[in-house]
Amino acid sequence: MKTVSIITAKIDSKIWPLIRDGKKHYEVRTTPFRGAHFIHYVDSIHGYNLGTFALGASYLIDRSEINCGDIPREFAFTLSGVTREEFDTFFLRDRTTFYVAHILQQVTELNDIFAEEAEQ
């Protein structure tokens, strides 16, 4: 038996092409990924299903943990793959804790999620 965790994330439609085309490699959020294996993206305005991707390792970036001023915010911005203006719109200036997960390959069918289970 295999337990799989899939989270759903609303995203701005301008960001979707970056993910779909493999130009955005990390998902940056203000809530933890809680061990999720996959992320399913939906359009933040219309709720359209956009796509599902496998997630790799996730990390906490927190100013209180590393005591280094604004570096966590800058590091999260660098990993985000979006413009400074978009980042500052998505994350209020006083935000100092970020959760980051590596975006891996796109999953096109539910069977892809359970492929390794079927092979056993």
Protein backbone atom coordinates (compact mmCIF):
# COMPACT_ATOMS: atom_id res chain seq x y z
CA MET A 1 0.00 0.00 0.00
CA LYS A 2 1.16 3.53 -0.75
CA THR A 3 0.04 6.74 0.96
CA VAL A 4 0.28 9.83 -1.21
CA SER A 5 -0.27 13.44 -0.21
CA ILE A 6 -1.42 15.93 -2.85
CA ILE A 7 -1.86 19.60 -2.01
CA THR A 8 -3.80 22.09 -4.09
CA ALA A 9 -2.37 25.54 -4.67
CA LYS A 10 -4.04 28.54 -6.25
CA ILE A 11 -1.70 30.47 -8.53
CA ASP A 12 -1.84 33.57 -10.66
CA SER A 13 -2.37 32.63 -14.32
CA LYS A 14 0.79 34.59 -15.23
CA ILE A 15 2.88 32.19 -13.13
CA TRP A 16 1.52 28.97 -14.65
CA PRO A 17 3.54 29.12 -17.92
CA LEU A 18 6.77 29.37 -15.87
CA ILE A 19 5.90 26.16 -14.04
CA ARG A 20 4.51 24.34 -17.08
CA ASP A 21 7.55 25.21 -19.20
CA GLY A 22 10.05 24.20 -16.48
CA LYS A 23 11.36 27.73 -15.87
CA LYS A 24 10.16 27.92 -12.25
CA HIS A 25 11.90 25.24 -10.20
CA TYR A 26 10.74 26.01 -6.65
CA GLU A 27 7.37 26.60 -5.05
CA VAL A 28 7.53 29.25 -2.31
CA ARG A 29 4.68 29.44 0.19
CA THR A 30 3.87 30.82 3.64
CA THR A 31 2.45 27.52 4.90
CA PRO A 32 4.34 24.24 5.20
CA PHE A 33 4.06 21.52 2.57
CA ARG A 34 3.64 18.92 5.34
CA GLY A 35 5.37 16.14 3.45
CA ALA A 36 3.26 16.50 0.29
CA HIS A 37 4.40 14.37 -2.62
CA PHE A 38 2.53 16.30 -5.31
CA ILE A 39 1.11 19.75 -5.89
CA HIS A 40 -1.98 20.40 -8.01
CA TYR A 41 -2.25 23.93 -9.39
CA VAL A 42 -5.52 25.75 -10.01
CA ASP A 43 -6.11 29.21 -11.45
CA SER A 44 -6.58 31.67 -8.58
CA ILE A 45 -9.32 33.64 -10.35
CA HIS A 46 -11.41 31.04 -12.19
CA GLY A 47 -10.47 27.83 -10.37
CA TYR A 48 -9.45 26.04 -13.58
CA ASN A 49 -7.30 22.94 -13.14
CA LEU A 50 -3.87 23.72 -14.53
CA GLY A 51 -1.71 20.71 -13.77
CA THR A 52 -0.05 18.48 -11.19
CA PHE A 53 3.66 18.16 -10.43
CA ALA A 54 5.73 15.90 -8.22
CA LEU A 55 7.47 17.68 -5.35
CA GLY A 56 11.01 17.07 -4.18
CA ALA A 57 12.61 18.11 -0.93
CA SER A 58 11.06 20.98 1.00
CA TYR A 59 12.78 23.50 3.24
CA LEU A 60 11.98 26.09 5.87
CA ILE A 61 13.61 29.49 5.40
CA ASP A 62 13.16 31.51 8.57
CA ARG A 63 14.91 34.63 9.83
CA SER A 64 14.57 33.59 13.48
CA GLU A 65 16.34 30.30 12.75
CA ILE A 66 19.39 31.79 11.06
CA ASN A 67 19.39 35.29 12.59
CA CYS A 68 20.53 37.11 9.48
CA GLY A 69 18.27 40.06 8.79
CA ASP A 70 16.54 40.12 5.40
CA ILE A 71 18.55 37.26 3.86
CA PRO A 72 15.71 34.67 4.13
CA ARG A 73 13.37 36.94 2.16
CA GLU A 74 16.00 37.56 -0.51
CA PHE A 75 16.81 33.86 -0.74
CA ALA A 76 13.11 32.99 -1.06
CA PHE A 77 12.76 35.66 -3.76
CA THR A 78 15.72 34.20 -5.68
CA LEU A 79 14.19 30.72 -5.59
CA SER A 80 10.67 31.91 -6.42
CA GLY A 81 11.29 32.42 -10.14
CA VAL A 82 9.01 35.48 -10.26
CA THR A 83 9.72 39.19 -10.59
CA ARG A 84 10.41 41.36 -7.55
CA GLU A 85 7.09 43.13 -8.03
CA GLU A 86 5.18 39.82 -8.13
CA PHE A 87 7.05 38.51 -5.09
CA ASP A 88 6.30 41.62 -3.07
CA THR A 89 2.64 41.39 -4.10
CA PHE A 90 2.40 37.73 -3.05
CA PHE A 91 4.36 38.12 0.20
CA LEU A 92 3.92 41.11 2.50
CA ARG A 93 7.13 42.95 3.32
CA ASP A 94 7.15 41.82 6.96
CA ARG A 95 7.03 38.13 5.97
CA THR A 96 10.18 36.41 7.30
CA THR A 97 9.21 32.73 7.16
CA PHE A 98 8.96 30.84 3.88
CA TYR A 99 8.47 27.21 2.92
CA VAL A 100 10.13 26.12 -0.29
CA ALA A 101 9.70 22.88 -2.24
CA HIS A 102 11.50 21.69 -5.35
CA ILE A 103 9.11 21.29 -8.30
CA LEU A 104 9.88 18.10 -10.21
CA GLN A 105 8.21 16.51 -13.26
CA GLN A 106 4.64 17.06 -14.34
CA VAL A 107 2.17 14.24 -13.72
CA THR A 108 -0.33 13.89 -16.53
CA GLU A 109 -2.35 10.92 -15.28
CA LEU A 110 -3.31 9.59 -11.89
CA ASN A 111 -1.67 6.29 -12.89
CA ASP A 112 1.68 8.13 -12.99
CA ILE A 113 1.40 8.80 -9.27
CA PHE A 114 0.95 5.12 -8.50
CA ALA A 115 3.25 3.69 -11.21
CA GLU A 116 5.93 2.43 -8.83
CA GLU A 117 3.27 0.71 -6.67
CA ALA A 118 1.94 -1.14 -9.74
CA GLU A 119 5.43 -2.32 -10.69
CA GLN A 120 5.93 -4.13 -7.37
